[in-house]
């Protein structure tokens, strides 16, 4: 009987870990889709859709170190950028996603911006803090960075 209880507890723990791993895997896919949605909205120059990917109090830190706070301000900043950079396009790749809690994650990746079809402008890395509320992931913080000594 005692052995049966231990086996049952073990199976419950293993099963719980497997369910948690499946939930994390699904959440990682959703976060990847959020990052793809950012690239798509940016390249379509849709500031409203970019802004909608951020939490109400989200913030966005630019390469200059300036931080834009709040979804409305992030939307306005992107609209202004698009107006001044009509040919800007971005590409990006998520390189990691780590969960601090089931509803809080940190994702990092690489980005590149071109201001014309063949004109290279800038490349670097990004880091985001994301929060899931009511089943939807949003950016709570996004940081763009250019490494001091980029590797080739």
N, C-alpha and C. Protein backbone atom coordinates (compact mmCIF):
# COMPACT_ATOMS: atom_id res chain seq x y z
N UNK A 1 0.83 -1.20 0.00
CA UNK A 1 0.00 0.00 0.00
C UNK A 1 0.87 1.26 0.00
N UNK A 2 1.88 1.25 0.89
CA UNK A 2 2.77 2.42 0.98
C UNK A 2 3.49 2.65 -0.34
N UNK A 3 3.92 1.58 -0.97
CA UNK A 3 4.60 1.68 -2.26
C UNK A 3 3.64 2.26 -3.32
N UNK A 4 2.39 1.84 -3.27
CA UNK A 4 1.39 2.35 -4.23
C UNK A 4 1.19 3.85 -4.06
N UNK A 5 1.17 4.33 -2.83
CA UNK A 5 1.00 5.76 -2.58
C UNK A 5 2.20 6.53 -3.11
N UNK A 6 3.39 6.02 -2.87
CA UNK A 6 4.60 6.69 -3.38
C UNK A 6 4.61 6.74 -4.90
N UNK A 7 4.22 5.65 -5.52
CA UNK A 7 4.15 5.62 -6.99
C UNK A 7 3.11 6.62 -7.48
N UNK A 8 1.96 6.69 -6.83
CA UNK A 8 0.92 7.63 -7.21
C UNK A 8 1.41 9.08 -7.08
N UNK A 9 2.07 9.39 -5.97
CA UNK A 9 2.62 10.74 -5.78
C UNK A 9 3.64 11.05 -6.86
N UNK A 10 4.51 10.11 -7.16
CA UNK A 10 5.52 10.30 -8.21
C UNK A 10 4.85 10.58 -9.55
N UNK A 11 3.85 9.76 -9.90
CA UNK A 11 3.15 9.95 -11.18
C UNK A 11 2.44 11.30 -11.24
N UNK A 12 1.88 11.73 -10.14
CA UNK A 12 1.23 13.05 -10.10
C UNK A 12 2.26 14.16 -10.32
N UNK A 13 3.42 14.06 -9.68
CA UNK A 13 4.46 15.07 -9.85
C UNK A 13 4.98 15.09 -11.27
N UNK A 14 5.25 13.92 -11.83
CA UNK A 14 5.74 13.85 -13.21
C UNK A 14 4.69 14.40 -14.16
N UNK A 15 3.43 14.03 -13.95
CA UNK A 15 2.35 14.53 -14.79
C UNK A 15 2.21 16.03 -14.70
N UNK A 16 2.32 16.58 -13.49
CA UNK A 16 2.23 18.03 -13.29
C UNK A 16 3.36 18.74 -14.01
N UNK A 17 4.57 18.19 -13.92
CA UNK A 17 5.71 18.79 -14.62
C UNK A 17 5.52 18.74 -16.13
N UNK A 18 4.97 17.64 -16.63
CA UNK A 18 4.73 17.52 -18.07
C UNK A 18 3.69 18.55 -18.52
N UNK A 19 2.64 18.74 -17.74
CA UNK A 19 1.63 19.75 -18.08
C UNK A 19 2.22 21.15 -18.06
N UNK A 20 3.05 21.43 -17.07
CA UNK A 20 3.71 22.75 -16.99
C UNK A 20 4.62 22.97 -18.18
N UNK A 21 5.35 21.93 -18.58
CA UNK A 21 6.24 22.05 -19.74
C UNK A 21 5.44 22.30 -21.00
N UNK A 22 4.29 21.62 -21.17
CA UNK A 22 3.43 21.85 -22.32
C UNK A 22 2.89 23.27 -22.34
N UNK A 23 2.47 23.78 -21.18
CA UNK A 23 1.96 25.15 -21.09
C UNK A 23 3.05 26.16 -21.43
N UNK A 24 4.28 25.92 -20.93
CA UNK A 24 5.39 26.81 -21.24
C UNK A 24 5.72 26.78 -22.72
N UNK A 25 5.68 25.60 -23.31
CA UNK A 25 5.97 25.46 -24.73
C UNK A 25 4.94 26.22 -25.57
N UNK A 26 3.66 26.09 -25.19
CA UNK A 26 2.60 26.81 -25.90
C UNK A 26 2.76 28.32 -25.72
N UNK A 27 3.11 28.75 -24.52
CA UNK A 27 3.31 30.17 -24.25
C UNK A 27 4.50 30.70 -25.05
N UNK A 28 5.57 29.92 -25.17
CA UNK A 28 6.73 30.34 -25.95
C UNK A 28 6.36 30.55 -27.42
N UNK A 29 5.49 29.68 -27.94
CA UNK A 29 5.01 29.84 -29.31
C UNK A 29 4.20 31.13 -29.43
N UNK A 30 3.33 31.40 -28.46
CA UNK A 30 2.53 32.63 -28.47
C UNK A 30 3.42 33.87 -28.42
N UNK A 31 4.48 33.83 -27.63
CA UNK A 31 5.40 34.96 -27.55
C UNK A 31 6.13 35.14 -28.88
N UNK A 32 6.53 34.03 -29.50
CA UNK A 32 7.13 34.13 -30.84
C UNK A 32 6.18 34.77 -31.84
N UNK A 33 4.90 34.42 -31.74
CA UNK A 33 3.90 35.02 -32.63
C UNK A 33 3.72 36.50 -32.35
N UNK A 34 3.81 36.90 -31.08
CA UNK A 34 3.73 38.32 -30.73
C UNK A 34 4.90 39.07 -31.36
N UNK A 35 6.10 38.50 -31.29
CA UNK A 35 7.27 39.14 -31.90
C UNK A 35 7.12 39.25 -33.41
N UNK A 36 6.57 38.21 -34.05
CA UNK A 36 6.30 38.26 -35.49
C UNK A 36 5.26 39.33 -35.82
N UNK A 37 4.25 39.47 -34.96
CA UNK A 37 3.22 40.49 -35.16
C UNK A 37 3.83 41.89 -35.08
N UNK A 38 4.81 42.08 -34.18
CA UNK A 38 5.49 43.38 -34.09
C UNK A 38 6.20 43.69 -35.41
N UNK A 39 6.96 42.74 -35.92
CA UNK A 39 7.69 42.95 -37.18
C UNK A 39 6.72 43.25 -38.31
N UNK A 40 5.63 42.48 -38.39
CA UNK A 40 4.64 42.69 -39.45
C UNK A 40 4.00 44.07 -39.34
N UNK A 41 3.57 44.45 -38.15
CA UNK A 41 2.94 45.77 -37.97
C UNK A 41 3.92 46.89 -38.27
N UNK A 42 5.17 46.74 -37.83
CA UNK A 42 6.19 47.75 -38.10
C UNK A 42 6.39 47.89 -39.61
N UNK A 43 6.57 46.78 -40.30
CA UNK A 43 6.84 46.84 -41.74
C UNK A 43 5.64 47.31 -42.55
N UNK A 44 4.45 47.22 -41.98
CA UNK A 44 3.25 47.78 -42.63
C UNK A 44 3.02 49.23 -42.20
N UNK A 45 3.91 49.71 -41.30
CA UNK A 45 3.85 51.08 -40.82
C UNK A 45 2.54 51.34 -40.07
N UNK A 46 2.08 50.35 -39.33
CA UNK A 46 0.81 50.42 -38.61
C UNK A 46 1.09 50.69 -37.12
N UNK A 47 1.22 51.96 -36.80
CA UNK A 47 1.56 52.36 -35.43
C UNK A 47 0.51 51.90 -34.42
N UNK A 48 -0.76 51.91 -34.80
CA UNK A 48 -1.82 51.48 -33.88
C UNK A 48 -1.66 50.00 -33.52
N UNK A 49 -1.33 49.17 -34.51
CA UNK A 49 -1.14 47.74 -34.22
C UNK A 49 0.12 47.52 -33.40
N UNK A 50 1.17 48.29 -33.66
CA UNK A 50 2.38 48.18 -32.84
C UNK A 50 2.02 48.51 -31.39
N UNK A 51 1.36 49.63 -31.19
CA UNK A 51 0.99 50.05 -29.84
C UNK A 51 0.11 49.05 -29.12
N UNK A 52 -0.78 48.39 -29.86
CA UNK A 52 -1.70 47.42 -29.26
C UNK A 52 -0.97 46.19 -28.72
N UNK A 53 0.27 45.98 -29.11
CA UNK A 53 1.05 44.84 -28.63
C UNK A 53 1.65 45.10 -27.25
N UNK A 54 1.55 46.33 -26.77
CA UNK A 54 2.10 46.73 -25.48
C UNK A 54 1.00 46.81 -24.42
N UNK A 55 1.37 46.51 -23.20
CA UNK A 55 0.46 46.72 -22.08
C UNK A 55 0.17 48.20 -21.93
N UNK A 56 -0.90 48.52 -21.27
CA UNK A 56 -1.32 49.92 -21.08
C UNK A 56 -0.18 50.78 -20.52
N UNK A 57 0.58 50.24 -19.58
CA UNK A 57 1.69 50.97 -18.96
C UNK A 57 3.05 50.51 -19.46
N UNK A 58 3.08 49.83 -20.61
CA UNK A 58 4.34 49.34 -21.16
C UNK A 58 5.31 50.47 -21.44
N UNK A 59 6.58 50.10 -21.57
CA UNK A 59 7.56 51.12 -21.97
C UNK A 59 8.52 50.56 -23.01
N UNK A 60 9.12 51.47 -23.75
CA UNK A 60 9.96 51.15 -24.90
C UNK A 60 11.21 52.02 -24.80
N UNK A 61 12.37 51.40 -24.66
CA UNK A 61 13.61 52.17 -24.57
C UNK A 61 14.33 52.13 -25.92
N UNK A 62 14.59 53.33 -26.44
CA UNK A 62 15.22 53.50 -27.75
C UNK A 62 16.73 53.34 -27.65
N UNK A 63 17.37 53.30 -28.80
CA UNK A 63 18.83 53.22 -28.85
C UNK A 63 19.50 54.41 -28.18
N UNK A 64 18.82 55.53 -28.16
CA UNK A 64 19.36 56.74 -27.53
C UNK A 64 19.36 56.65 -26.01
N UNK A 65 18.63 55.66 -25.49
CA UNK A 65 18.47 55.53 -24.05
C UNK A 65 17.20 56.18 -23.54
N UNK A 66 16.53 56.93 -24.40
CA UNK A 66 15.25 57.55 -24.01
C UNK A 66 14.19 56.47 -23.89
N UNK A 67 13.34 56.59 -22.87
CA UNK A 67 12.26 55.63 -22.65
C UNK A 67 10.92 56.30 -22.89
N UNK A 68 10.10 55.63 -23.66
CA UNK A 68 8.75 56.09 -23.95
C UNK A 68 7.81 55.27 -23.07
N UNK A 69 6.99 55.92 -22.27
CA UNK A 69 6.11 55.22 -21.34
C UNK A 69 4.66 55.30 -21.74
N UNK A 70 3.98 54.16 -21.71
CA UNK A 70 2.54 54.10 -21.98
C UNK A 70 2.24 53.75 -23.42
N UNK A 71 1.20 52.95 -23.59
CA UNK A 71 0.80 52.48 -24.93
C UNK A 71 0.54 53.63 -25.90
N UNK A 72 -0.17 54.66 -25.45
CA UNK A 72 -0.49 55.77 -26.35
C UNK A 72 0.78 56.49 -26.82
N UNK A 73 1.72 56.69 -25.93
CA UNK A 73 2.98 57.35 -26.30
C UNK A 73 3.82 56.48 -27.22
N UNK A 74 3.80 55.17 -26.99
CA UNK A 74 4.54 54.24 -27.86
C UNK A 74 3.93 54.27 -29.26
N UNK A 75 2.61 54.29 -29.33
CA UNK A 75 1.92 54.37 -30.62
C UNK A 75 2.30 55.66 -31.34
N UNK A 76 2.26 56.78 -30.64
CA UNK A 76 2.60 58.08 -31.24
C UNK A 76 4.05 58.11 -31.69
N UNK A 77 4.96 57.55 -30.90
CA UNK A 77 6.38 57.54 -31.26
C UNK A 77 6.61 56.72 -32.53
N UNK A 78 5.94 55.59 -32.65
CA UNK A 78 6.08 54.79 -33.86
C UNK A 78 5.49 55.53 -35.07
N UNK A 79 4.35 56.19 -34.90
CA UNK A 79 3.75 56.96 -36.01
C UNK A 79 4.72 58.04 -36.47
N UNK A 80 5.35 58.71 -35.53
CA UNK A 80 6.33 59.75 -35.86
C UNK A 80 7.54 59.15 -36.58
N UNK A 81 8.02 58.01 -36.08
CA UNK A 81 9.16 57.35 -36.74
C UNK A 81 8.80 56.97 -38.17
N UNK A 82 7.62 56.39 -38.37
CA UNK A 82 7.20 55.98 -39.71
C UNK A 82 7.10 57.17 -40.65
N UNK A 83 6.61 58.31 -40.15
CA UNK A 83 6.49 59.51 -40.97
C UNK A 83 7.86 60.02 -41.41
N UNK A 84 8.84 59.93 -40.54
CA UNK A 84 10.18 60.41 -40.85
C UNK A 84 11.07 59.40 -41.54
N UNK A 85 10.65 58.15 -41.59
CA UNK A 85 11.45 57.07 -42.17
C UNK A 85 10.55 56.19 -43.04
N UNK A 86 10.09 56.74 -44.17
CA UNK A 86 9.05 56.04 -44.95
C UNK A 86 9.46 54.69 -45.53
N UNK A 87 10.76 54.41 -45.65
CA UNK A 87 11.18 53.13 -46.22
C UNK A 87 11.74 52.17 -45.18
N UNK A 88 11.68 52.53 -43.91
CA UNK A 88 12.26 51.68 -42.87
C UNK A 88 11.55 50.34 -42.79
N UNK A 89 12.34 49.29 -42.71
CA UNK A 89 11.83 47.92 -42.54
C UNK A 89 12.71 47.24 -41.50
N UNK A 90 12.10 46.36 -40.72
CA UNK A 90 12.87 45.62 -39.72
C UNK A 90 12.78 44.12 -39.99
N UNK A 91 13.75 43.44 -39.47
CA UNK A 91 13.71 41.98 -39.41
C UNK A 91 14.22 41.62 -38.03
N UNK A 92 13.86 40.45 -37.58
CA UNK A 92 14.27 40.05 -36.24
C UNK A 92 14.19 38.56 -36.04
N UNK A 93 14.86 38.12 -34.99
CA UNK A 93 14.88 36.70 -34.64
C UNK A 93 14.90 36.58 -33.13
N UNK A 94 13.97 35.84 -32.59
CA UNK A 94 13.97 35.57 -31.15
C UNK A 94 15.02 34.52 -30.86
N UNK A 95 15.87 34.78 -29.87
CA UNK A 95 16.93 33.83 -29.54
C UNK A 95 16.70 33.11 -28.22
N UNK A 96 15.86 33.66 -27.36
CA UNK A 96 15.56 32.97 -26.10
C UNK A 96 14.23 33.43 -25.54
N UNK A 97 13.66 32.58 -24.71
CA UNK A 97 12.44 32.90 -23.99
C UNK A 97 12.51 32.14 -22.67
N UNK A 98 12.42 32.89 -21.58
CA UNK A 98 12.52 32.29 -20.25
C UNK A 98 11.34 32.77 -19.41
N UNK A 99 10.72 31.84 -18.69
CA UNK A 99 9.55 32.16 -17.88
C UNK A 99 9.95 32.36 -16.43
N UNK A 100 9.60 33.54 -15.89
CA UNK A 100 9.82 33.81 -14.48
C UNK A 100 8.65 33.30 -13.66
N UNK A 101 7.48 33.41 -14.25
CA UNK A 101 6.21 32.90 -13.70
C UNK A 101 5.39 32.43 -14.90
N UNK A 102 4.32 31.71 -14.68
CA UNK A 102 3.50 31.31 -15.83
C UNK A 102 2.95 32.50 -16.63
N UNK A 103 2.89 33.68 -16.01
CA UNK A 103 2.33 34.86 -16.68
C UNK A 103 3.38 35.95 -16.94
N UNK A 104 4.64 35.69 -16.66
CA UNK A 104 5.71 36.68 -16.87
C UNK A 104 6.87 35.98 -17.57
N UNK A 105 7.35 36.59 -18.66
CA UNK A 105 8.46 36.00 -19.41
C UNK A 105 9.44 37.09 -19.85
N UNK A 106 10.65 36.66 -20.11
CA UNK A 106 11.68 37.51 -20.70
C UNK A 106 12.07 36.86 -22.02
N UNK A 107 12.03 37.64 -23.10
CA UNK A 107 12.45 37.13 -24.41
C UNK A 107 13.54 38.06 -24.94
N UNK A 108 14.50 37.47 -25.64
CA UNK A 108 15.58 38.25 -26.24
C UNK A 108 15.73 37.84 -27.70
N UNK A 109 16.41 38.69 -28.44
CA UNK A 109 16.62 38.38 -29.84
C UNK A 109 17.53 39.38 -30.52
N UNK A 110 17.59 39.26 -31.83
CA UNK A 110 18.41 40.13 -32.68
C UNK A 110 17.48 40.90 -33.61
N UNK A 111 17.88 42.11 -33.97
CA UNK A 111 17.08 42.93 -34.88
C UNK A 111 17.99 43.63 -35.88
N UNK A 112 17.39 44.05 -36.98
CA UNK A 112 18.08 44.85 -38.00
C UNK A 112 17.06 45.79 -38.61
N UNK A 113 17.46 47.03 -38.83
CA UNK A 113 16.61 48.03 -39.48
C UNK A 113 17.32 48.51 -40.74
N UNK A 114 16.56 48.57 -41.83
CA UNK A 114 17.07 49.14 -43.08
C UNK A 114 16.15 50.30 -43.44
N UNK A 115 16.75 51.38 -43.91
CA UNK A 115 15.96 52.56 -44.27
C UNK A 115 15.67 52.63 -45.76
N UNK A 116 16.10 51.67 -46.51
CA UNK A 116 15.83 51.58 -47.93
C UNK A 116 16.06 50.15 -48.36
N UNK A 117 15.66 49.81 -49.59
CA UNK A 117 15.75 48.42 -50.04
C UNK A 117 17.15 47.81 -49.90
N UNK A 118 18.18 48.57 -50.12
CA UNK A 118 19.53 48.01 -50.05
C UNK A 118 20.41 48.73 -49.04
N UNK A 119 19.84 49.65 -48.32
CA UNK A 119 20.61 50.48 -47.39
C UNK A 119 20.59 49.90 -45.98
N UNK A 120 21.76 49.49 -45.49
CA UNK A 120 21.87 48.98 -44.12
C UNK A 120 21.89 50.17 -43.17
N UNK A 121 21.16 50.07 -42.08
CA UNK A 121 21.12 51.18 -41.15
C UNK A 121 21.66 50.81 -39.77
N UNK A 122 21.10 49.79 -39.14
CA UNK A 122 21.52 49.44 -37.78
C UNK A 122 21.11 48.01 -37.47
N UNK A 123 21.84 47.41 -36.56
CA UNK A 123 21.51 46.08 -36.09
C UNK A 123 21.90 45.99 -34.62
N UNK A 124 21.23 45.13 -33.91
CA UNK A 124 21.54 44.97 -32.49
C UNK A 124 20.75 43.85 -31.87
N UNK A 125 20.54 43.96 -30.59
CA UNK A 125 19.80 42.96 -29.83
C UNK A 125 18.64 43.64 -29.11
N UNK A 126 17.64 42.86 -28.76
CA UNK A 126 16.51 43.38 -28.01
C UNK A 126 16.22 42.46 -26.83
N UNK A 127 15.62 43.04 -25.83
CA UNK A 127 15.15 42.28 -24.67
C UNK A 127 13.77 42.80 -24.32
N UNK A 128 12.87 41.88 -24.00
CA UNK A 128 11.52 42.27 -23.64
C UNK A 128 11.09 41.55 -22.36
N UNK A 129 10.25 42.23 -21.61
CA UNK A 129 9.54 41.62 -20.50
C UNK A 129 8.09 41.57 -20.94
N UNK A 130 7.49 40.39 -20.84
CA UNK A 130 6.13 40.19 -21.31
C UNK A 130 5.25 39.70 -20.17
N UNK A 131 3.97 40.06 -20.28
CA UNK A 131 3.01 39.65 -19.25
C UNK A 131 1.76 39.12 -19.95
N UNK A 132 1.27 38.00 -19.44
CA UNK A 132 0.03 37.44 -19.97
C UNK A 132 -1.11 37.84 -19.05
N UNK A 133 -2.09 38.52 -19.63
CA UNK A 133 -3.29 38.92 -18.91
C UNK A 133 -4.49 38.45 -19.72
N UNK A 134 -5.39 37.74 -19.06
CA UNK A 134 -6.59 37.21 -19.72
C UNK A 134 -6.24 36.43 -20.98
N UNK A 135 -5.16 35.65 -20.91
CA UNK A 135 -4.76 34.78 -22.00
C UNK A 135 -3.98 35.43 -23.12
N UNK A 136 -3.70 36.73 -23.02
CA UNK A 136 -3.00 37.44 -24.09
C UNK A 136 -1.67 37.97 -23.59
N UNK A 137 -0.61 37.72 -24.34
CA UNK A 137 0.72 38.24 -24.01
C UNK A 137 0.87 39.65 -24.57
N UNK A 138 1.45 40.53 -23.76
CA UNK A 138 1.74 41.92 -24.16
C UNK A 138 3.14 42.27 -23.70
N UNK A 139 3.76 43.19 -24.43
CA UNK A 139 5.05 43.72 -23.99
C UNK A 139 4.82 44.67 -22.82
N UNK A 140 5.55 44.47 -21.75
CA UNK A 140 5.54 45.41 -20.63
C UNK A 140 6.78 46.30 -20.71
N UNK A 141 7.84 45.79 -21.31
CA UNK A 141 9.06 46.57 -21.51
C UNK A 141 9.80 46.01 -22.71
N UNK A 142 10.30 46.92 -23.55
CA UNK A 142 11.12 46.53 -24.69
C UNK A 142 12.36 47.41 -24.68
N UNK A 143 13.52 46.78 -24.82
CA UNK A 143 14.80 47.49 -24.84
C UNK A 143 15.54 47.14 -26.11
N UNK A 144 15.92 48.16 -26.87
CA UNK A 144 16.76 47.97 -28.05
C UNK A 144 18.19 48.34 -27.68
N UNK A 145 19.13 47.51 -28.10
CA UNK A 145 20.53 47.76 -27.75
C UNK A 145 21.42 47.44 -28.95
N UNK A 146 22.54 48.15 -29.04
CA UNK A 146 23.57 47.85 -30.00
C UNK A 146 24.80 47.48 -29.20
N UNK A 147 25.31 46.26 -29.36
CA UNK A 147 26.50 45.86 -28.60
C UNK A 147 27.68 46.77 -28.91
N UNK A 148 28.49 47.04 -27.89
CA UNK A 148 29.66 47.88 -28.06
C UNK A 148 30.66 47.25 -29.02
N UNK A 149 30.86 45.96 -28.89
CA UNK A 149 31.79 45.22 -29.74
C UNK A 149 31.04 44.08 -30.42
N UNK A 150 30.27 44.40 -31.47
CA UNK A 150 29.47 43.34 -32.09
C UNK A 150 30.37 42.25 -32.70
N UNK A 151 29.92 41.02 -32.54
CA UNK A 151 30.67 39.92 -33.15
C UNK A 151 30.33 39.84 -34.64
N UNK A 152 31.27 39.39 -35.45
CA UNK A 152 31.02 39.34 -36.91
C UNK A 152 29.96 38.34 -37.29
